[in-house]
Amino acid sequence: MDIAQTAAGSPGRALPRVDGARLRDVVLASPVTPWVLPLVILAAWQLGSLAGAIPANVLPAPSEVLDAAIRLTLNGELAANIAVSFRRAASGFLVGGALAFALGLLNGLSALSEKLTDTTVQMLRNIPNLALIPLVILWFGIEEEAKLFLTALGVFFPIYINTFHGVRTVDPQLVEMGRSYGMSRWQLFRRVVLPGALPSIFVGLRYGLGIMWLTLIVAETIAASSGIGYMAMNAREFMLVDVVVLAIVIYAALGKLADATVRMLERRCLSWHPAFRRQQGRAP
């Protein structure tokens, strides 16, 4: 047996080959894959800080930010501020999201309602909600009502637009088929219209969650006496850069958690959808 045969094994048997498609499916299905890039960035950040390439007064090392998190956790300040911000965000999201969802469904199902309200909503949508902060402070002061109003307003428009779009883009042939089977208007809405609009509705939810945190950050840094934004602004006054960066990281983590929750609900509610069925088929 020569060297070539030895390398290839016994005659008629080939060396096992790496299946590219299989490897890709394993990588896509792995829960570790989405965290590879963030971990690489953190490692580069830490190494750059240790090497002196990133000054500590500009961007402290991740280890220093972690020390700040431990310090604030032990004295109870971090947990209290996170709880306050989470409560504000959830309240604003529930109020603004519920109103947007109801109006989006109504305008999507009723041409008369669309004629009466959609133009006004579109005019209000083009007003930057953060530009209303001085007026909101005059209306509500710096109490919780101001933050609730701003957060609900920021959440309202993306959820409304996507709900309205989802209802209006349901396949008309499916609607006609439901009518031919004798479905009532409620059955038609529950079994055809709402499931068909769900993909667009979930897009609105994910986008609305991002706007929710953006609005809350600004509201808490301008008019607040508690919360993550207040913690960051208070740290800025004392030049505690590690606490400021920690607040930014917390906002990012909370936003990621909220988005992951919506995506999990999306996969469960849309398991019948071909695109989501393919994603589930790649799971291990």
C-alpha atoms as a PDB file:
ATOM      1  CA  MET A   1       0.000   0.000   0.000  1.00  0.00           C
ATOM      2  CA  ASP A   2       1.576   3.278  -1.055  1.00  0.00           C
ATOM      3  CA  ILE A   3       1.550   6.600   0.738  1.00  0.00           C
ATOM      4  CA  ALA A   4      -1.496   7.882  -1.183  1.00  0.00           C
ATOM      5  CA  GLN A   5      -3.516   4.798  -0.249  1.00  0.00           C
ATOM      6  CA  THR A   6      -2.405   5.089   3.357  1.00  0.00           C
ATOM      7  CA  ALA A   7      -3.549   8.733   3.506  1.00  0.00           C
ATOM      8  CA  ALA A   8      -6.857   7.929   1.873  1.00  0.00           C
ATOM      9  CA  GLY A   9      -7.479   4.803   3.968  1.00  0.00           C
ATOM     10  CA  SER A  10      -8.502   1.483   2.521  1.00  0.00           C
ATOM     11  CA  PRO A  11      -9.407   1.350  -1.183  1.00  0.00           C
ATOM     12  CA  GLY A  12     -12.956   2.442  -1.914  1.00  0.00           C
ATOM     13  CA  ARG A  13     -13.261   4.490   1.274  1.00  0.00           C
ATOM     14  CA  ALA A  14     -12.877   8.277   1.207  1.00  0.00           C
ATOM     15  CA  LEU A  15     -11.817  10.496   4.058  1.00  0.00           C
ATOM     16  CA  PRO A  16     -14.765  12.092   5.876  1.00  0.00           C
ATOM     17  CA  ARG A  17     -15.473  15.520   4.459  1.00  0.00           C
ATOM     18  CA  VAL A  18     -16.803  18.485   6.347  1.00  0.00           C
ATOM     19  CA  ASP A  19     -20.322  19.214   5.134  1.00  0.00           C
ATOM     20  CA  GLY A  20     -20.456  22.979   4.635  1.00  0.00           C
ATOM     21  CA  ALA A  21     -24.235  23.139   4.866  1.00  0.00           C
ATOM     22  CA  ARG A  22     -24.257  21.092   8.064  1.00  0.00           C
ATOM     23  CA  LEU A  23     -21.563  23.276   9.629  1.00  0.00           C
ATOM     24  CA  ARG A  24     -23.502  26.394   8.702  1.00  0.00           C
ATOM     25  CA  ASP A  25     -26.678  24.993  10.292  1.00  0.00           C
ATOM     26  CA  VAL A  26     -24.788  24.163  13.501  1.00  0.00           C
ATOM     27  CA  VAL A  27     -23.342  27.682  13.657  1.00  0.00           C
ATOM     28  CA  LEU A  28     -26.747  29.277  13.007  1.00  0.00           C
ATOM     29  CA  ALA A  29     -28.467  27.122  15.622  1.00  0.00           C
ATOM     30  CA  SER A  30     -25.842  27.639  18.322  1.00  0.00           C
ATOM     31  CA  PRO A  31     -26.881  30.058  21.113  1.00  0.00           C
ATOM     32  CA  VAL A  32     -23.244  31.136  21.379  1.00  0.00           C
ATOM     33  CA  THR A  33     -23.005  32.545  17.846  1.00  0.00           C
ATOM     34  CA  PRO A  34     -24.742  35.908  18.503  1.00  0.00           C
ATOM     35  CA  TRP A  35     -22.355  36.596  21.378  1.00  0.00           C
ATOM     36  CA  VAL A  36     -19.102  35.991  19.475  1.00  0.00           C
ATOM     37  CA  LEU A  37     -18.810  39.549  18.135  1.00  0.00           C
ATOM     38  CA  PRO A  38     -19.698  41.276  21.456  1.00  0.00           C
ATOM     39  CA  LEU A  39     -17.121  39.119  23.267  1.00  0.00           C
ATOM     40  CA  VAL A  40     -14.469  39.961  20.664  1.00  0.00           C
ATOM     41  CA  ILE A  41     -15.242  43.677  21.084  1.00  0.00           C
ATOM     42  CA  LEU A  42     -15.000  43.376  24.876  1.00  0.00           C
ATOM     43  CA  ALA A  43     -11.677  41.558  24.619  1.00  0.00           C
ATOM     44  CA  ALA A  44     -10.269  44.180  22.238  1.00  0.00           C
ATOM     45  CA  TRP A  45     -11.559  46.934  24.528  1.00  0.00           C
ATOM     46  CA  GLN A  46      -9.898  45.384  27.585  1.00  0.00           C
ATOM     47  CA  LEU A  47      -6.606  44.788  25.771  1.00  0.00           C
ATOM     48  CA  GLY A  48      -6.615  48.317  24.382  1.00  0.00           C
ATOM     49  CA  SER A  49      -7.157  49.733  27.881  1.00  0.00           C
ATOM     50  CA  LEU A  50      -4.387  47.611  29.378  1.00  0.00           C
ATOM     51  CA  ALA A  51      -2.023  48.666  26.602  1.00  0.00           C
ATOM     52  CA  GLY A  52      -2.807  52.343  27.196  1.00  0.00           C
ATOM     53  CA  ALA A  53      -4.286  52.850  23.748  1.00  0.00           C
ATOM     54  CA  ILE A  54      -7.658  53.800  25.288  1.00  0.00           C
ATOM     55  CA  PRO A  55      -7.307  56.430  28.052  1.00  0.00           C
ATOM     56  CA  ALA A  56      -9.248  55.629  31.221  1.00  0.00           C
ATOM     57  CA  ASN A  57     -10.735  59.138  31.379  1.00  0.00           C
ATOM     58  CA  VAL A  58     -12.195  58.638  27.912  1.00  0.00           C
ATOM     59  CA  LEU A  59     -13.377  55.033  28.113  1.00  0.00           C
ATOM     60  CA  PRO A  60     -12.608  52.949  31.207  1.00  0.00           C
ATOM     61  CA  ALA A  61     -11.757  49.281  30.810  1.00  0.00           C
ATOM     62  CA  PRO A  62     -14.533  46.672  31.076  1.00  0.00           C
ATOM     63  CA  SER A  63     -12.971  45.479  34.330  1.00  0.00           C
ATOM     64  CA  GLU A  64     -13.418  48.970  35.826  1.00  0.00           C
ATOM     65  CA  VAL A  65     -17.033  49.089  34.651  1.00  0.00           C
ATOM     66  CA  LEU A  66     -17.573  45.690  36.270  1.00  0.00           C
ATOM     67  CA  ASP A  67     -16.068  46.987  39.510  1.00  0.00           C
ATOM     68  CA  ALA A  68     -18.488  49.929  39.409  1.00  0.00           C
ATOM     69  CA  ALA A  69     -21.405  47.534  38.867  1.00  0.00           C
ATOM     70  CA  ILE A  70     -20.357  45.437  41.872  1.00  0.00           C
ATOM     71  CA  ARG A  71     -19.926  48.530  44.037  1.00  0.00           C
ATOM     72  CA  LEU A  72     -23.350  49.946  43.147  1.00  0.00           C
ATOM     73  CA  THR A  73     -24.979  46.534  43.529  1.00  0.00           C
ATOM     74  CA  LEU A  74     -23.629  46.092  47.031  1.00  0.00           C
ATOM     75  CA  ASN A  75     -24.945  49.459  48.214  1.00  0.00           C
ATOM     76  CA  GLY A  76     -28.334  48.809  46.571  1.00  0.00           C
ATOM     77  CA  GLU A  77     -28.267  51.844  44.269  1.00  0.00           C
ATOM     78  CA  LEU A  78     -28.051  49.899  41.017  1.00  0.00           C
ATOM     79  CA  ALA A  79     -31.007  47.593  41.674  1.00  0.00           C
ATOM     80  CA  ALA A  80     -33.196  50.495  42.818  1.00  0.00           C
ATOM     81  CA  ASN A  81     -32.476  52.582  39.715  1.00  0.00           C
ATOM     82  CA  ILE A  82     -32.985  49.637  37.356  1.00  0.00           C
ATOM     83  CA  ALA A  83     -36.335  48.860  38.986  1.00  0.00           C
ATOM     84  CA  VAL A  84     -37.482  52.479  38.595  1.00  0.00           C
ATOM     85  CA  SER A  85     -36.473  52.651  34.921  1.00  0.00           C
ATOM     86  CA  PHE A  86     -38.013  49.263  34.152  1.00  0.00           C
ATOM     87  CA  ARG A  87     -41.300  50.288  35.738  1.00  0.00           C
ATOM     88  CA  ARG A  88     -41.375  53.523  33.729  1.00  0.00           C
ATOM     89  CA  ALA A  89     -40.564  51.735  30.499  1.00  0.00           C
ATOM     90  CA  ALA A  90     -43.146  48.994  31.034  1.00  0.00           C
ATOM     91  CA  SER A  91     -45.885  51.476  31.950  1.00  0.00           C
ATOM     92  CA  GLY A  92     -45.229  53.673  28.925  1.00  0.00           C
ATOM     93  CA  PHE A  93     -45.038  50.668  26.634  1.00  0.00           C
ATOM     94  CA  LEU A  94     -48.327  49.210  27.860  1.00  0.00           C
ATOM     95  CA  VAL A  95     -50.207  52.507  27.547  1.00  0.00           C
ATOM     96  CA  GLY A  96     -48.763  53.613  24.203  1.00  0.00           C
ATOM     97  CA  GLY A  97     -48.687  50.111  22.717  1.00  0.00           C
ATOM     98  CA  ALA A  98     -52.290  49.311  23.644  1.00  0.00           C
ATOM     99  CA  LEU A  99     -53.615  52.565  22.165  1.00  0.00           C
ATOM    100  CA  ALA A 100     -51.506  52.144  19.010  1.00  0.00           C
ATOM    101  CA  PHE A 101     -52.575  48.531  18.521  1.00  0.00           C
ATOM    102  CA  ALA A 102     -56.264  49.374  18.919  1.00  0.00           C
ATOM    103  CA  LEU A 103     -56.113  52.345  16.542  1.00  0.00           C
ATOM    104  CA  GLY A 104     -54.027  50.427  14.002  1.00  0.00           C
ATOM    105  CA  LEU A 105     -56.573  47.612  13.933  1.00  0.00           C
ATOM    106  CA  LEU A 106     -59.474  50.063  13.695  1.00  0.00           C
ATOM    107  CA  ASN A 107     -57.961  52.043  10.831  1.00  0.00           C
ATOM    108  CA  GLY A 108     -56.862  48.884   9.062  1.00  0.00           C
ATOM    109  CA  LEU A 109     -60.357  47.413   9.189  1.00  0.00           C
ATOM    110  CA  SER A 110     -62.401  50.575   8.678  1.00  0.00           C
ATOM    111  CA  ALA A 111     -61.883  52.944   5.752  1.00  0.00           C
ATOM    112  CA  LEU A 112     -64.024  55.559   7.506  1.00  0.00           C
ATOM    113  CA  SER A 113     -61.866  55.494  10.630  1.00  0.00           C
ATOM    114  CA  GLU A 114     -58.754  55.791   8.487  1.00  0.00           C
ATOM    115  CA  LYS A 115     -60.149  58.849   6.733  1.00  0.00           C
ATOM    116  CA  LEU A 116     -61.012  60.501  10.028  1.00  0.00           C
ATOM    117  CA  THR A 117     -57.838  59.844  12.023  1.00  0.00           C
ATOM    118  CA  ASP A 118     -54.889  58.673   9.927  1.00  0.00           C
ATOM    119  CA  THR A 119     -53.965  62.104   8.538  1.00  0.00           C
ATOM    120  CA  THR A 120     -53.876  63.580  12.033  1.00  0.00           C
ATOM    121  CA  VAL A 121     -51.759  60.691  13.316  1.00  0.00           C
ATOM    122  CA  GLN A 122     -49.292  61.118  10.459  1.00  0.00           C
ATOM    123  CA  MET A 123     -48.972  64.842  11.198  1.00  0.00           C
ATOM    124  CA  LEU A 124     -48.264  64.142  14.861  1.00  0.00           C
ATOM    125  CA  ARG A 125     -45.815  61.376  13.931  1.00  0.00           C
ATOM    126  CA  ASN A 126     -43.564  63.862  12.161  1.00  0.00           C
ATOM    127  CA  ILE A 127     -43.156  65.979  15.271  1.00  0.00           C
ATOM    128  CA  PRO A 128     -40.020  64.805  17.130  1.00  0.00           C
ATOM    129  CA  ASN A 129     -41.317  63.639  20.488  1.00  0.00           C
ATOM    130  CA  LEU A 130     -38.113  64.725  22.208  1.00  0.00           C
ATOM    131  CA  ALA A 131     -38.803  68.288  21.019  1.00  0.00           C
ATOM    132  CA  LEU A 132     -41.919  68.209  23.187  1.00  0.00           C
ATOM    133  CA  ILE A 133     -39.906  67.836  26.402  1.00  0.00           C
ATOM    134  CA  PRO A 134     -40.056  71.552  27.394  1.00  0.00           C
ATOM    135  CA  LEU A 135     -43.809  71.576  26.837  1.00  0.00           C
ATOM    136  CA  VAL A 136     -44.280  68.279  28.673  1.00  0.00           C
ATOM    137  CA  ILE A 137     -42.355  69.644  31.664  1.00  0.00           C
ATOM    138  CA  LEU A 138     -44.676  72.657  31.696  1.00  0.00           C
ATOM    139  CA  TRP A 139     -47.682  70.316  31.591  1.00  0.00           C
ATOM    140  CA  PHE A 140     -46.596  67.644  34.058  1.00  0.00           C
ATOM    141  CA  GLY A 141     -43.520  69.030  35.809  1.00  0.00           C
ATOM    142  CA  ILE A 142     -40.777  66.457  36.463  1.00  0.00           C
ATOM    143  CA  GLU A 143     -43.071  63.873  37.995  1.00  0.00           C
ATOM    144  CA  GLU A 144     -43.720  60.372  36.660  1.00  0.00           C
ATOM    145  CA  GLU A 145     -46.537  61.541  34.368  1.00  0.00           C
ATOM    146  CA  ALA A 146     -44.037  63.369  32.133  1.00  0.00           C
ATOM    147  CA  LYS A 147     -41.910  60.268  31.599  1.00  0.00           C
ATOM    148  CA  LEU A 148     -44.975  58.091  31.064  1.00  0.00           C
ATOM    149  CA  PHE A 149     -46.320  60.491  28.436  1.00  0.00           C
ATOM    150  CA  LEU A 150     -43.032  60.719  26.529  1.00  0.00           C
ATOM    151  CA  THR A 151     -42.427  56.972  26.595  1.00  0.00           C
ATOM    152  CA  ALA A 152     -45.992  56.150  25.518  1.00  0.00           C
ATOM    153  CA  LEU A 153     -45.763  58.701  22.707  1.00  0.00           C
ATOM    154  CA  GLY A 154     -42.487  57.241  21.457  1.00  0.00           C
ATOM    155  CA  VAL A 155     -43.914  53.703  21.453  1.00  0.00           C
ATOM    156  CA  PHE A 156     -47.213  54.674  19.837  1.00  0.00           C
ATOM    157  CA  PHE A 157     -46.215  55.481  16.259  1.00  0.00           C
ATOM    158  CA  PRO A 158     -44.089  52.443  15.249  1.00  0.00           C
ATOM    159  CA  ILE A 159     -46.675  50.034  16.648  1.00  0.00           C
ATOM    160  CA  TYR A 160     -49.534  51.922  14.990  1.00  0.00           C
ATOM    161  CA  ILE A 161     -47.854  52.069  11.583  1.00  0.00           C
ATOM    162  CA  ASN A 162     -46.911  48.401  11.529  1.00  0.00           C
ATOM    163  CA  THR A 163     -50.278  47.209  12.836  1.00  0.00           C
ATOM    164  CA  PHE A 164     -52.102  49.272  10.230  1.00  0.00           C
ATOM    165  CA  HIS A 165     -49.752  48.028   7.494  1.00  0.00           C
ATOM    166  CA  GLY A 166     -50.122  44.414   8.609  1.00  0.00           C
ATOM    167  CA  VAL A 167     -53.917  44.498   8.505  1.00  0.00           C
ATOM    168  CA  ARG A 168     -54.017  46.225   5.130  1.00  0.00           C
ATOM    169  CA  THR A 169     -51.549  43.804   3.498  1.00  0.00           C
ATOM    170  CA  VAL A 170     -53.343  40.575   4.433  1.00  0.00           C
ATOM    171  CA  ASP A 171     -53.798  38.462   1.300  1.00  0.00           C
ATOM    172  CA  PRO A 172     -57.255  39.395  -0.076  1.00  0.00           C
ATOM    173  CA  GLN A 173     -57.620  35.917  -1.577  1.00  0.00           C
ATOM    174  CA  LEU A 174     -57.451  34.420   1.918  1.00  0.00           C
ATOM    175  CA  VAL A 175     -60.120  36.838   3.091  1.00  0.00           C
ATOM    176  CA  GLU A 176     -62.334  35.946   0.155  1.00  0.00           C
ATOM    177  CA  MET A 177     -61.789  32.245   0.809  1.00  0.00           C
ATOM    178  CA  GLY A 178     -62.843  32.723   4.430  1.00  0.00           C
ATOM    179  CA  ARG A 179     -66.004  34.458   3.324  1.00  0.00           C
ATOM    180  CA  SER A 180     -66.783  31.671   0.888  1.00  0.00           C
ATOM    181  CA  TYR A 181     -66.567  29.193   3.780  1.00  0.00           C
ATOM    182  CA  GLY A 182     -69.202  31.186   5.630  1.00  0.00           C
ATOM    183  CA  MET A 183     -67.011  32.719   8.322  1.00  0.00           C
ATOM    184  CA  SER A 184     -68.514  35.494  10.386  1.00  0.00           C
ATOM    185  CA  ARG A 185     -66.730  38.838  10.600  1.00  0.00           C
ATOM    186  CA  TRP A 186     -65.283  37.921  14.009  1.00  0.00           C
ATOM    187  CA  GLN A 187     -64.103  34.516  12.782  1.00  0.00           C
ATOM    188  CA  LEU A 188     -62.611  36.133   9.700  1.00  0.00           C
ATOM    189  CA  PHE A 189     -60.701  38.606  11.858  1.00  0.00           C
ATOM    190  CA  ARG A 190     -59.515  35.999  14.380  1.00  0.00           C
ATOM    191  CA  ARG A 191     -58.530  33.265  11.938  1.00  0.00           C
ATOM    192  CA  VAL A 192     -57.403  35.180   8.845  1.00  0.00           C
ATOM    193  CA  VAL A 193     -56.769  38.896   9.343  1.00  0.00           C
ATOM    194  CA  LEU A 194     -55.009  38.895  12.714  1.00  0.00           C
ATOM    195  CA  PRO A 195     -52.687  35.924  11.964  1.00  0.00           C
ATOM    196  CA  GLY A 196     -51.815  37.475   8.614  1.00  0.00           C
ATOM    197  CA  ALA A 197     -50.970  40.799  10.265  1.00  0.00           C
ATOM    198  CA  LEU A 198     -48.888  39.318  13.099  1.00  0.00           C
ATOM    199  CA  PRO A 199     -45.475  39.404  11.312  1.00  0.00           C
ATOM    200  CA  SER A 200     -45.817  43.153  10.748  1.00  0.00           C
ATOM    201  CA  ILE A 201     -47.182  43.694  14.268  1.00  0.00           C
ATOM    202  CA  PHE A 202     -44.148  41.992  15.795  1.00  0.00           C
ATOM    203  CA  VAL A 203     -41.849  44.210  13.719  1.00  0.00           C
ATOM    204  CA  GLY A 204     -43.642  47.203  15.211  1.00  0.00           C
ATOM    205  CA  LEU A 205     -43.226  45.796  18.712  1.00  0.00           C
ATOM    206  CA  ARG A 206     -39.492  45.340  18.277  1.00  0.00           C
ATOM    207  CA  TYR A 207     -39.050  48.801  16.809  1.00  0.00           C
ATOM    208  CA  GLY A 208     -41.271  50.325  19.479  1.00  0.00           C
ATOM    209  CA  LEU A 209     -39.180  48.764  22.251  1.00  0.00           C
ATOM    210  CA  GLY A 210     -36.065  50.447  20.861  1.00  0.00           C
ATOM    211  CA  ILE A 211     -37.786  53.832  20.721  1.00  0.00           C
ATOM    212  CA  MET A 212     -39.092  53.218  24.250  1.00  0.00           C
ATOM    213  CA  TRP A 213     -35.590  53.010  25.725  1.00  0.00           C
ATOM    214  CA  LEU A 214     -34.341  55.931  23.623  1.00  0.00           C
ATOM    215  CA  THR A 215     -37.141  58.175  24.862  1.00  0.00           C
ATOM    216  CA  LEU A 216     -36.759  57.050  28.447  1.00  0.00           C
ATOM    217  CA  ILE A 217     -33.014  57.737  28.425  1.00  0.00           C
ATOM    218  CA  VAL A 218     -33.583  61.352  27.409  1.00  0.00           C
ATOM    219  CA  ALA A 219     -36.502  61.811  29.801  1.00  0.00           C
ATOM    220  CA  GLU A 220     -34.495  60.493  32.745  1.00  0.00           C
ATOM    221  CA  THR A 221     -31.431  62.584  31.996  1.00  0.00           C
ATOM    222  CA  ILE A 222     -33.431  65.826  31.778  1.00  0.00           C
ATOM    223  CA  ALA A 223     -36.181  65.541  34.367  1.00  0.00           C
ATOM    224  CA  ALA A 224     -35.708  62.803  36.933  1.00  0.00           C
ATOM    225  CA  SER A 225     -34.548  62.197  40.487  1.00  0.00           C
ATOM    226  CA  SER A 226     -34.122  58.433  40.081  1.00  0.00           C
ATOM    227  CA  GLY A 227     -33.546  55.823  37.389  1.00  0.00           C
ATOM    228  CA  ILE A 228     -30.623  54.751  35.241  1.00  0.00           C
ATOM    229  CA  GLY A 229     -30.502  58.036  33.328  1.00  0.00           C
ATOM    230  CA  TYR A 230     -30.442  60.014  36.550  1.00  0.00           C
ATOM    231  CA  MET A 231     -27.649  57.749  37.818  1.00  0.00           C
ATOM    232  CA  ALA A 232     -25.618  58.501  34.687  1.00  0.00           C
ATOM    233  CA  MET A 233     -26.132  62.260  34.903  1.00  0.00           C
ATOM    234  CA  ASN A 234     -25.290  62.273  38.603  1.00  0.00           C
ATOM    235  CA  ALA A 235     -22.110  60.315  37.849  1.00  0.00           C
ATOM    236  CA  ARG A 236     -21.204  62.832  35.153  1.00  0.00           C
ATOM    237  CA  GLU A 237     -21.259  65.632  37.716  1.00  0.00           C
ATOM    238  CA  PHE A 238     -18.592  63.796  39.731  1.00  0.00           C
ATOM    239  CA  MET A 239     -16.618  62.650  36.652  1.00  0.00           C
ATOM    240  CA  LEU A 240     -17.366  58.970  37.331  1.00  0.00           C
ATOM    241  CA  VAL A 241     -16.891  57.782  33.764  1.00  0.00           C
ATOM    242  CA  ASP A 242     -17.126  54.108  34.733  1.00  0.00           C
ATOM    243  CA  VAL A 243     -20.654  54.645  36.124  1.00  0.00           C
ATOM    244  CA  VAL A 244     -21.691  56.539  32.982  1.00  0.00           C
ATOM    245  CA  VAL A 245     -20.488  53.669  30.789  1.00  0.00           C
ATOM    246  CA  LEU A 246     -22.205  51.201  33.121  1.00  0.00           C
ATOM    247  CA  ALA A 247     -25.519  53.023  32.620  1.00  0.00           C
ATOM    248  CA  ILE A 248     -25.096  52.793  28.852  1.00  0.00           C
ATOM    249  CA  VAL A 249     -24.319  49.073  29.080  1.00  0.00           C
ATOM    250  CA  ILE A 250     -27.400  48.510  31.251  1.00  0.00           C
ATOM    251  CA  TYR A 251     -29.632  50.290  28.755  1.00  0.00           C
ATOM    252  CA  ALA A 252     -28.181  48.112  25.986  1.00  0.00           C
ATOM    253  CA  ALA A 253     -28.676  44.933  28.030  1.00  0.00           C
ATOM    254  CA  LEU A 254     -32.283  45.803  28.900  1.00  0.00           C
ATOM    255  CA  GLY A 255     -32.990  46.600  25.251  1.00  0.00           C
ATOM    256  CA  LYS A 256     -31.482  43.286  24.178  1.00  0.00           C
ATOM    257  CA  LEU A 257     -33.536  41.423  26.799  1.00  0.00           C
ATOM    258  CA  ALA A 258     -36.758  43.082  25.640  1.00  0.00           C
ATOM    259  CA  ASP A 259     -35.988  42.336  21.989  1.00  0.00           C
ATOM    260  CA  ALA A 260     -35.149  38.695  22.781  1.00  0.00           C
ATOM    261  CA  THR A 261     -38.458  38.338  24.628  1.00  0.00           C
ATOM    262  CA  VAL A 262     -40.420  39.637  21.637  1.00  0.00           C
ATOM    263  CA  ARG A 263     -38.501  37.354  19.278  1.00  0.00           C
ATOM    264  CA  MET A 264     -39.317  34.367  21.470  1.00  0.00           C
ATOM    265  CA  LEU A 265     -43.018  35.297  21.370  1.00  0.00           C
ATOM    266  CA  GLU A 266     -42.694  35.813  17.633  1.00  0.00           C
ATOM    267  CA  ARG A 267     -41.362  32.294  17.114  1.00  0.00           C
ATOM    268  CA  ARG A 268     -44.127  30.807  19.247  1.00  0.00           C
ATOM    269  CA  CYS A 269     -47.002  32.757  17.700  1.00  0.00           C
ATOM    270  CA  LEU A 270     -45.741  32.375  14.122  1.00  0.00           C
ATOM    271  CA  SER A 271     -44.734  28.715  14.204  1.00  0.00           C
ATOM    272  CA  TRP A 272     -47.195  28.185  11.336  1.00  0.00           C
ATOM    273  CA  HIS A 273     -45.399  30.736   9.138  1.00  0.00           C
ATOM    274  CA  PRO A 274     -43.059  29.180   6.512  1.00  0.00           C
ATOM    275  CA  ALA A 275     -40.142  31.482   7.348  1.00  0.00           C
ATOM    276  CA  PHE A 276     -40.296  30.708  11.072  1.00  0.00           C
ATOM    277  CA  ARG A 277     -40.868  27.005  10.397  1.00  0.00           C
ATOM    278  CA  ARG A 278     -37.587  26.938   8.471  1.00  0.00           C
ATOM    279  CA  GLN A 279     -35.810  28.632  11.373  1.00  0.00           C
ATOM    280  CA  GLN A 280     -37.143  26.051  13.798  1.00  0.00           C
ATOM    281  CA  GLY A 281     -36.065  23.270  11.445  1.00  0.00           C
ATOM    282  CA  ARG A 282     -32.448  24.425  11.793  1.00  0.00           C
ATOM    283  CA  ALA A 283     -32.572  24.201  15.558  1.00  0.00           C
ATOM    284  CA  PRO A 284     -30.700  21.241  17.105  1.00  0.00           C
END
